[in-house]
Amino acid sequence: MNKKMLEILACPIDKHFPLEIFESNSENEVIFEGAIYCTKCSRFYPIIEEIPIMLPDELRDKNKDIEFLKRNQSLLPEKITKHAFPWHL
């Protein structure tokens, strides 16, 4: 995901803008893996293989999200790994 995309993204749940971004693997302006975080509803959206997965809760794959959180636990802030919605570690 190009970092400039953050300028146009809003939370799909509450339409909040701007969103926070946390990078766990990036180079220059491209984020290969990380998370997008909504400060209003405390939801996180993973960025996997440069693609932000910004789906509503009912369409998300809990197992994939939990796997993502475990894999990036030491690289993401606790507000995402321990407290974010729709699930956390």
PDB file of N, CA and C in Angstrom:
ATOM      1  N   MET A   1       0.854  -1.168   0.000  1.00  0.00           N
ATOM      2  CA  MET A   1       0.000   0.000   0.000  1.00  0.00           C
ATOM      3  C   MET A   1       0.898   1.229   0.000  1.00  0.00           C
ATOM      4  N   ASN A   2       0.614   2.122  -0.852  1.00  0.00           N
ATOM      5  CA  ASN A   2       1.327   3.388  -0.872  1.00  0.00           C
ATOM      6  C   ASN A   2       0.832   4.246   0.298  1.00  0.00           C
ATOM      7  N   LYS A   3       1.751   4.858   1.025  1.00  0.00           N
ATOM      8  CA  LYS A   3       1.385   5.670   2.188  1.00  0.00           C
ATOM      9  C   LYS A   3       0.438   6.809   1.835  1.00  0.00           C
ATOM     10  N   LYS A   4       0.482   7.287   0.620  1.00  0.00           N
ATOM     11  CA  LYS A   4      -0.402   8.386   0.204  1.00  0.00           C
ATOM     12  C   LYS A   4      -1.872   7.962   0.184  1.00  0.00           C
ATOM     13  N   MET A   5      -2.140   6.653   0.095  1.00  0.00           N
ATOM     14  CA  MET A   5      -3.526   6.172   0.131  1.00  0.00           C
ATOM     15  C   MET A   5      -4.224   6.545   1.423  1.00  0.00           C
ATOM     16  N   LEU A   6      -3.447   6.695   2.499  1.00  0.00           N
ATOM     17  CA  LEU A   6      -4.034   7.017   3.790  1.00  0.00           C
ATOM     18  C   LEU A   6      -4.790   8.339   3.755  1.00  0.00           C
ATOM     19  N   GLU A   7      -4.423   9.216   2.832  1.00  0.00           N
ATOM     20  CA  GLU A   7      -5.083  10.512   2.698  1.00  0.00           C
ATOM     21  C   GLU A   7      -6.531  10.391   2.221  1.00  0.00           C
ATOM     22  N   ILE A   8      -6.893   9.249   1.626  1.00  0.00           N
ATOM     23  CA  ILE A   8      -8.255   9.092   1.100  1.00  0.00           C
ATOM     24  C   ILE A   8      -9.051   7.994   1.798  1.00  0.00           C
ATOM     25  N   LEU A   9      -8.416   7.231   2.695  1.00  0.00           N
ATOM     26  CA  LEU A   9      -9.112   6.130   3.361  1.00  0.00           C
ATOM     27  C   LEU A   9      -9.864   6.611   4.587  1.00  0.00           C
ATOM     28  N   ALA A  10     -11.054   6.048   4.786  1.00  0.00           N
ATOM     29  CA  ALA A  10     -11.853   6.294   5.982  1.00  0.00           C
ATOM     30  C   ALA A  10     -12.313   4.948   6.524  1.00  0.00           C
ATOM     31  N   CYS A  11     -12.629   4.897   7.789  1.00  0.00           N
ATOM     32  CA  CYS A  11     -13.090   3.659   8.417  1.00  0.00           C
ATOM     33  C   CYS A  11     -14.415   3.226   7.777  1.00  0.00           C
ATOM     34  N   PRO A  12     -14.538   1.975   7.340  1.00  0.00           N
ATOM     35  CA  PRO A  12     -15.786   1.526   6.723  1.00  0.00           C
ATOM     36  C   PRO A  12     -16.945   1.399   7.716  1.00  0.00           C
ATOM     37  N   ILE A  13     -16.647   1.369   9.000  1.00  0.00           N
ATOM     38  CA  ILE A  13     -17.703   1.238  10.009  1.00  0.00           C
ATOM     39  C   ILE A  13     -18.319   2.588  10.363  1.00  0.00           C
ATOM     40  N   ASP A  14     -17.482   3.571  10.714  1.00  0.00           N
ATOM     41  CA  ASP A  14     -18.013   4.864  11.173  1.00  0.00           C
ATOM     42  C   ASP A  14     -17.602   6.055  10.306  1.00  0.00           C
ATOM     43  N   LYS A  15     -16.911   5.772   9.205  1.00  0.00           N
ATOM     44  CA  LYS A  15     -16.487   6.798   8.239  1.00  0.00           C
ATOM     45  C   LYS A  15     -15.506   7.809   8.816  1.00  0.00           C
ATOM     46  N   HIS A  16     -14.855   7.460   9.938  1.00  0.00           N
ATOM     47  CA  HIS A  16     -13.899   8.365  10.577  1.00  0.00           C
ATOM     48  C   HIS A  16     -12.672   8.574   9.692  1.00  0.00           C
ATOM     49  N   PHE A  17     -12.184   9.802   9.706  1.00  0.00           N
ATOM     50  CA  PHE A  17     -10.988  10.188   8.960  1.00  0.00           C
ATOM     51  C   PHE A  17     -10.287  11.267   9.770  1.00  0.00           C
ATOM     52  N   PRO A  18      -9.005  11.294   9.886  1.00  0.00           N
ATOM     53  CA  PRO A  18      -7.998  10.406   9.310  1.00  0.00           C
ATOM     54  C   PRO A  18      -7.774   9.170  10.175  1.00  0.00           C
ATOM     55  N   LEU A  19      -7.180   8.165   9.594  1.00  0.00           N
ATOM     56  CA  LEU A  19      -6.841   6.924  10.275  1.00  0.00           C
ATOM     57  C   LEU A  19      -5.348   6.910  10.598  1.00  0.00           C
ATOM     58  N   GLU A  20      -4.984   6.116  11.603  1.00  0.00           N
ATOM     59  CA  GLU A  20      -3.573   5.953  11.953  1.00  0.00           C
ATOM     60  C   GLU A  20      -3.015   4.747  11.199  1.00  0.00           C
ATOM     61  N   ILE A  21      -1.732   4.788  10.913  1.00  0.00           N
ATOM     62  CA  ILE A  21      -1.098   3.673  10.227  1.00  0.00           C
ATOM     63  C   ILE A  21       0.112   3.219  11.028  1.00  0.00           C
ATOM     64  N   PHE A  22       0.288   1.904  11.111  1.00  0.00           N
ATOM     65  CA  PHE A  22       1.421   1.307  11.800  1.00  0.00           C
ATOM     66  C   PHE A  22       2.080   0.335  10.833  1.00  0.00           C
ATOM     67  N   GLU A  23       3.363   0.505  10.659  1.00  0.00           N
ATOM     68  CA  GLU A  23       4.103  -0.295   9.693  1.00  0.00           C
ATOM     69  C   GLU A  23       4.918  -1.361  10.406  1.00  0.00           C
ATOM     70  N   SER A  24       4.834  -2.596   9.926  1.00  0.00           N
ATOM     71  CA  SER A  24       5.710  -3.630  10.460  1.00  0.00           C
ATOM     72  C   SER A  24       6.734  -4.054   9.409  1.00  0.00           C
ATOM     73  N   ASN A  25       6.433  -3.773   8.141  1.00  0.00           N
ATOM     74  CA  ASN A  25       7.375  -4.048   7.061  1.00  0.00           C
ATOM     75  C   ASN A  25       7.106  -3.041   5.953  1.00  0.00           C
ATOM     76  N   SER A  26       8.045  -2.121   5.753  1.00  0.00           N
ATOM     77  CA  SER A  26       7.848  -1.096   4.728  1.00  0.00           C
ATOM     78  C   SER A  26       9.194  -0.696   4.130  1.00  0.00           C
ATOM     79  N   GLU A  27       9.099  -0.045   2.990  1.00  0.00           N
ATOM     80  CA  GLU A  27      10.283   0.472   2.316  1.00  0.00           C
ATOM     81  C   GLU A  27       9.873   1.721   1.558  1.00  0.00           C
ATOM     82  N   ASN A  28      10.552   2.831   1.851  1.00  0.00           N
ATOM     83  CA  ASN A  28      10.230   4.124   1.237  1.00  0.00           C
ATOM     84  C   ASN A  28       8.762   4.458   1.453  1.00  0.00           C
ATOM     85  N   GLU A  29       7.995   4.580   0.411  1.00  0.00           N
ATOM     86  CA  GLU A  29       6.578   4.964   0.517  1.00  0.00           C
ATOM     87  C   GLU A  29       5.620   3.779   0.439  1.00  0.00           C
ATOM     88  N   VAL A  30       6.144   2.552   0.430  1.00  0.00           N
ATOM     89  CA  VAL A  30       5.303   1.360   0.284  1.00  0.00           C
ATOM     90  C   VAL A  30       5.289   0.568   1.585  1.00  0.00           C
ATOM     91  N   ILE A  31       4.082   0.232   2.045  1.00  0.00           N
ATOM     92  CA  ILE A  31       3.915  -0.589   3.241  1.00  0.00           C
ATOM     93  C   ILE A  31       3.553  -2.000   2.787  1.00  0.00           C
ATOM     94  N   PHE A  32       4.411  -2.961   3.109  1.00  0.00           N
ATOM     95  CA  PHE A  32       4.165  -4.349   2.733  1.00  0.00           C
ATOM     96  C   PHE A  32       3.279  -5.041   3.754  1.00  0.00           C
ATOM     97  N   GLU A  33       3.492  -4.714   5.028  1.00  0.00           N
ATOM     98  CA  GLU A  33       2.676  -5.292   6.092  1.00  0.00           C
ATOM     99  C   GLU A  33       2.579  -4.282   7.226  1.00  0.00           C
ATOM    100  N   GLY A  34       1.408  -4.212   7.824  1.00  0.00           N
ATOM    101  CA  GLY A  34       1.169  -3.267   8.905  1.00  0.00           C
ATOM    102  C   GLY A  34      -0.300  -3.273   9.263  1.00  0.00           C
ATOM    103  N   ALA A  35      -0.749  -2.183   9.869  1.00  0.00           N
ATOM    104  CA  ALA A  35      -2.152  -2.090  10.273  1.00  0.00           C
ATOM    105  C   ALA A  35      -2.627  -0.649  10.164  1.00  0.00           C
ATOM    106  N   ILE A  36      -3.894  -0.523   9.855  1.00  0.00           N
ATOM    107  CA  ILE A  36      -4.586   0.761   9.851  1.00  0.00           C
ATOM    108  C   ILE A  36      -5.501   0.738  11.068  1.00  0.00           C
ATOM    109  N   TYR A  37      -5.570   1.849  11.797  1.00  0.00           N
ATOM    110  CA  TYR A  37      -6.314   1.896  13.049  1.00  0.00           C
ATOM    111  C   TYR A  37      -7.244   3.098  13.076  1.00  0.00           C
ATOM    112  N   CYS A  38      -8.495   2.851  13.449  1.00  0.00           N
ATOM    113  CA  CYS A  38      -9.481   3.923  13.587  1.00  0.00           C
ATOM    114  C   CYS A  38      -9.524   4.352  15.055  1.00  0.00           C
ATOM    115  N   THR A  39      -9.196   5.602  15.322  1.00  0.00           N
ATOM    116  CA  THR A  39      -9.180   6.100  16.698  1.00  0.00           C
ATOM    117  C   THR A  39     -10.587   6.308  17.260  1.00  0.00           C
ATOM    118  N   LYS A  40     -11.582   6.363  16.409  1.00  0.00           N
ATOM    119  CA  LYS A  40     -12.961   6.576  16.879  1.00  0.00           C
ATOM    120  C   LYS A  40     -13.605   5.282  17.380  1.00  0.00           C
ATOM    121  N   CYS A  41     -13.512   4.200  16.596  1.00  0.00           N
ATOM    122  CA  CYS A  41     -14.171   2.948  16.982  1.00  0.00           C
ATOM    123  C   CYS A  41     -13.192   1.878  17.455  1.00  0.00           C
ATOM    124  N   SER A  42     -11.897   2.181  17.453  1.00  0.00           N
ATOM    125  CA  SER A  42     -10.833   1.275  17.912  1.00  0.00           C
ATOM    126  C   SER A  42     -10.730  -0.014  17.099  1.00  0.00           C
ATOM    127  N   ARG A  43     -11.064   0.058  15.816  1.00  0.00           N
ATOM    128  CA  ARG A  43     -10.918  -1.110  14.950  1.00  0.00           C
ATOM    129  C   ARG A  43      -9.598  -1.042  14.209  1.00  0.00           C
ATOM    130  N   PHE A  44      -9.040  -2.223  13.957  1.00  0.00           N
ATOM    131  CA  PHE A  44      -7.824  -2.291  13.160  1.00  0.00           C
ATOM    132  C   PHE A  44      -8.136  -3.014  11.856  1.00  0.00           C
ATOM    133  N   TYR A  45      -7.372  -2.691  10.846  1.00  0.00           N
ATOM    134  CA  TYR A  45      -7.485  -3.325   9.535  1.00  0.00           C
ATOM    135  C   TYR A  45      -6.079  -3.697   9.097  1.00  0.00           C
ATOM    136  N   PRO A  46      -5.827  -4.990   8.875  1.00  0.00           N
ATOM    137  CA  PRO A  46      -4.468  -5.398   8.500  1.00  0.00           C
ATOM    138  C   PRO A  46      -4.095  -4.968   7.085  1.00  0.00           C
ATOM    139  N   ILE A  47      -2.806  -4.743   6.907  1.00  0.00           N
ATOM    140  CA  ILE A  47      -2.238  -4.536   5.572  1.00  0.00           C
ATOM    141  C   ILE A  47      -1.372  -5.772   5.334  1.00  0.00           C
ATOM    142  N   ILE A  48      -1.737  -6.569   4.346  1.00  0.00           N
ATOM    143  CA  ILE A  48      -1.035  -7.813   4.061  1.00  0.00           C
ATOM    144  C   ILE A  48      -0.649  -7.817   2.586  1.00  0.00           C
ATOM    145  N   GLU A  49       0.636  -8.028   2.329  1.00  0.00           N
ATOM    146  CA  GLU A  49       1.166  -8.036   0.961  1.00  0.00           C
ATOM    147  C   GLU A  49       0.751  -6.771   0.203  1.00  0.00           C
ATOM    148  N   GLU A  50       0.879  -5.627   0.865  1.00  0.00           N
ATOM    149  CA  GLU A  50       0.589  -4.293   0.334  1.00  0.00           C
ATOM    150  C   GLU A  50      -0.898  -3.980   0.191  1.00  0.00           C
ATOM    151  N   ILE A  51      -1.785  -4.870   0.608  1.00  0.00           N
ATOM    152  CA  ILE A  51      -3.226  -4.670   0.422  1.00  0.00           C
ATOM    153  C   ILE A  51      -3.899  -4.399   1.765  1.00  0.00           C
ATOM    154  N   PRO A  52      -4.553  -3.239   1.929  1.00  0.00           N
ATOM    155  CA  PRO A  52      -5.314  -2.995   3.154  1.00  0.00           C
ATOM    156  C   PRO A  52      -6.627  -3.785   3.112  1.00  0.00           C
ATOM    157  N   ILE A  53      -6.862  -4.588   4.143  1.00  0.00           N
ATOM    158  CA  ILE A  53      -8.068  -5.407   4.222  1.00  0.00           C
ATOM    159  C   ILE A  53      -9.081  -4.657   5.089  1.00  0.00           C
ATOM    160  N   MET A  54      -9.887  -3.816   4.449  1.00  0.00           N
ATOM    161  CA  MET A  54     -10.809  -2.947   5.179  1.00  0.00           C
ATOM    162  C   MET A  54     -12.253  -3.406   4.983  1.00  0.00           C
ATOM    163  N   LEU A  55     -12.560  -4.535   5.610  1.00  0.00           N
ATOM    164  CA  LEU A  55     -13.889  -5.128   5.499  1.00  0.00           C
ATOM    165  C   LEU A  55     -14.692  -4.885   6.768  1.00  0.00           C
ATOM    166  N   PRO A  56     -16.033  -4.854   6.658  1.00  0.00           N
ATOM    167  CA  PRO A  56     -16.854  -4.785   7.865  1.00  0.00           C
ATOM    168  C   PRO A  56     -16.675  -6.072   8.681  1.00  0.00           C
ATOM    169  N   ASP A  57     -16.973  -5.995   9.961  1.00  0.00           N
ATOM    170  CA  ASP A  57     -16.732  -7.114  10.879  1.00  0.00           C
ATOM    171  C   ASP A  57     -17.295  -8.442  10.392  1.00  0.00           C
ATOM    172  N   GLU A  58     -18.499  -8.433   9.878  1.00  0.00           N
ATOM    173  CA  GLU A  58     -19.152  -9.692   9.503  1.00  0.00           C
ATOM    174  C   GLU A  58     -18.495 -10.379   8.304  1.00  0.00           C
ATOM    175  N   LEU A  59     -17.673  -9.668   7.550  1.00  0.00           N
ATOM    176  CA  LEU A  59     -16.991 -10.258   6.399  1.00  0.00           C
ATOM    177  C   LEU A  59     -15.527 -10.599   6.673  1.00  0.00           C
ATOM    178  N   ARG A  60     -15.070 -10.309   7.876  1.00  0.00           N
ATOM    179  CA  ARG A  60     -13.665 -10.568   8.221  1.00  0.00           C
ATOM    180  C   ARG A  60     -13.458 -12.013   8.641  1.00  0.00           C
ATOM    181  N   ASP A  61     -12.268 -12.514   8.397  1.00  0.00           N
ATOM    182  CA  ASP A  61     -11.889 -13.865   8.773  1.00  0.00           C
ATOM    183  C   ASP A  61     -11.134 -13.793  10.102  1.00  0.00           C
ATOM    184  N   LYS A  62     -11.791 -14.209  11.171  1.00  0.00           N
ATOM    185  CA  LYS A  62     -11.211 -14.095  12.506  1.00  0.00           C
ATOM    186  C   LYS A  62      -9.871 -14.829  12.597  1.00  0.00           C
ATOM    187  N   ASN A  63      -9.785 -16.028  12.058  1.00  0.00           N
ATOM    188  CA  ASN A  63      -8.549 -16.803  12.153  1.00  0.00           C
ATOM    189  C   ASN A  63      -7.382 -16.091  11.468  1.00  0.00           C
ATOM    190  N   LYS A  64      -7.623 -15.507  10.308  1.00  0.00           N
ATOM    191  CA  LYS A  64      -6.563 -14.784   9.602  1.00  0.00           C
ATOM    192  C   LYS A  64      -6.144 -13.526  10.363  1.00  0.00           C
ATOM    193  N   ASP A  65      -7.117 -12.824  10.944  1.00  0.00           N
ATOM    194  CA  ASP A  65      -6.794 -11.620  11.716  1.00  0.00           C
ATOM    195  C   ASP A  65      -5.991 -11.963  12.970  1.00  0.00           C
ATOM    196  N   ILE A  66      -6.375 -13.037  13.674  1.00  0.00           N
ATOM    197  CA  ILE A  66      -5.643 -13.451  14.875  1.00  0.00           C
ATOM    198  C   ILE A  66      -4.226 -13.895  14.498  1.00  0.00           C
ATOM    199  N   GLU A  67      -4.096 -14.622  13.402  1.00  0.00           N
ATOM    200  CA  GLU A  67      -2.773 -15.031  12.918  1.00  0.00           C
ATOM    201  C   GLU A  67      -1.914 -13.804  12.602  1.00  0.00           C
ATOM    202  N   PHE A  68      -2.504 -12.812  11.950  1.00  0.00           N
ATOM    203  CA  PHE A  68      -1.805 -11.567  11.639  1.00  0.00           C
ATOM    204  C   PHE A  68      -1.330 -10.873  12.923  1.00  0.00           C
ATOM    205  N   LEU A  69      -2.209 -10.795  13.925  1.00  0.00           N
ATOM    206  CA  LEU A  69      -1.841 -10.145  15.189  1.00  0.00           C
ATOM    207  C   LEU A  69      -0.705 -10.883  15.894  1.00  0.00           C
ATOM    208  N   LYS A  70      -0.764 -12.204  15.914  1.00  0.00           N
ATOM    209  CA  LYS A  70       0.301 -12.988  16.545  1.00  0.00           C
ATOM    210  C   LYS A  70       1.624 -12.779  15.820  1.00  0.00           C
ATOM    211  N   ARG A  71       1.585 -12.782  14.506  1.00  0.00           N
ATOM    212  CA  ARG A  71       2.797 -12.633  13.698  1.00  0.00           C
ATOM    213  C   ARG A  71       3.438 -11.251  13.896  1.00  0.00           C
ATOM    214  N   ASN A  72       2.619 -10.241  14.164  1.00  0.00           N
ATOM    215  CA  ASN A  72       3.116  -8.869  14.272  1.00  0.00           C
ATOM    216  C   ASN A  72       3.023  -8.303  15.690  1.00  0.00           C
ATOM    217  N   GLN A  73       2.834  -9.157  16.664  1.00  0.00           N
ATOM    218  CA  GLN A  73       2.608  -8.708  18.038  1.00  0.00           C
ATOM    219  C   GLN A  73       3.719  -7.796  18.554  1.00  0.00           C
ATOM    220  N   SER A  74       4.959  -8.096  18.240  1.00  0.00           N
ATOM    221  CA  SER A  74       6.059  -7.279  18.754  1.00  0.00           C
ATOM    222  C   SER A  74       6.258  -5.990  17.954  1.00  0.00           C
ATOM    223  N   LEU A  75       5.606  -5.873  16.800  1.00  0.00           N
ATOM    224  CA  LEU A  75       5.796  -4.714  15.931  1.00  0.00           C
ATOM    225  C   LEU A  75       4.646  -3.711  15.985  1.00  0.00           C
ATOM    226  N   LEU A  76       3.493  -4.151  16.480  1.00  0.00           N
ATOM    227  CA  LEU A  76       2.313  -3.283  16.544  1.00  0.00           C
ATOM    228  C   LEU A  76       2.071  -2.828  17.977  1.00  0.00           C
ATOM    229  N   PRO A  77       1.455  -1.664  18.163  1.00  0.00           N
ATOM    230  CA  PRO A  77       1.199  -1.177  19.531  1.00  0.00           C
ATOM    231  C   PRO A  77       0.146  -2.031  20.243  1.00  0.00           C
ATOM    232  N   GLU A  78       0.191  -1.972  21.551  1.00  0.00           N
ATOM    233  CA  GLU A  78      -0.726  -2.755  22.377  1.00  0.00           C
ATOM    234  C   GLU A  78      -2.188  -2.381  22.137  1.00  0.00           C
ATOM    235  N   LYS A  79      -2.466  -1.131  21.763  1.00  0.00           N
ATOM    236  CA  LYS A  79      -3.861  -0.743  21.521  1.00  0.00           C
ATOM    237  C   LYS A  79      -4.460  -1.544  20.364  1.00  0.00           C
ATOM    238  N   ILE A  80      -3.615  -2.080  19.483  1.00  0.00           N
ATOM    239  CA  ILE A  80      -4.102  -2.944  18.404  1.00  0.00           C
ATOM    240  C   ILE A  80      -4.068  -4.404  18.834  1.00  0.00           C
ATOM    241  N   THR A  81      -2.942  -4.867  19.336  1.00  0.00           N
ATOM    242  CA  THR A  81      -2.811  -6.293  19.638  1.00  0.00           C
ATOM    243  C   THR A  81      -3.638  -6.737  20.838  1.00  0.00           C
ATOM    244  N   LYS A  82      -3.838  -5.874  21.816  1.00  0.00           N
ATOM    245  CA  LYS A  82      -4.535  -6.266  23.051  1.00  0.00           C
ATOM    246  C   LYS A  82      -5.936  -5.689  23.224  1.00  0.00           C
ATOM    247  N   HIS A  83      -6.276  -4.609  22.487  1.00  0.00           N
ATOM    248  CA  HIS A  83      -7.549  -3.937  22.776  1.00  0.00           C
ATOM    249  C   HIS A  83      -8.420  -3.640  21.570  1.00  0.00           C
ATOM    250  N   ALA A  84      -7.917  -3.778  20.362  1.00  0.00           N
ATOM    251  CA  ALA A  84      -8.659  -3.364  19.166  1.00  0.00           C
ATOM    252  C   ALA A  84      -9.851  -4.280  18.877  1.00  0.00           C
ATOM    253  N   PHE A  85     -10.777  -3.767  18.130  1.00  0.00           N
ATOM    254  CA  PHE A  85     -11.938  -4.519  17.681  1.00  0.00           C
ATOM    255  C   PHE A  85     -11.719  -4.935  16.234  1.00  0.00           C
ATOM    256  N   PRO A  86     -12.350  -5.912  15.683  1.00  0.00           N
ATOM    257  CA  PRO A  86     -13.395  -6.730  16.302  1.00  0.00           C
ATOM    258  C   PRO A  86     -12.842  -7.820  17.204  1.00  0.00           C
ATOM    259  N   TRP A  87     -11.528  -8.106  17.171  1.00  0.00           N
ATOM    260  CA  TRP A  87     -10.924  -9.069  18.090  1.00  0.00           C
ATOM    261  C   TRP A  87      -9.475  -8.688  18.336  1.00  0.00           C
ATOM    262  N   HIS A  88      -8.920  -9.278  19.359  1.00  0.00           N
ATOM    263  CA  HIS A  88      -7.532  -8.984  19.733  1.00  0.00           C
ATOM    264  C   HIS A  88      -6.986 -10.210  20.452  1.00  0.00           C
ATOM    265  N   LEU A  89      -5.712 -10.142  20.799  1.00  0.00           N
ATOM    266  CA  LEU A  89      -5.072 -11.295  21.469  1.00  0.00           C
ATOM    267  C   LEU A  89      -5.392 -11.306  22.949  1.00  0.00           C
TER     268      LEU A  89
END
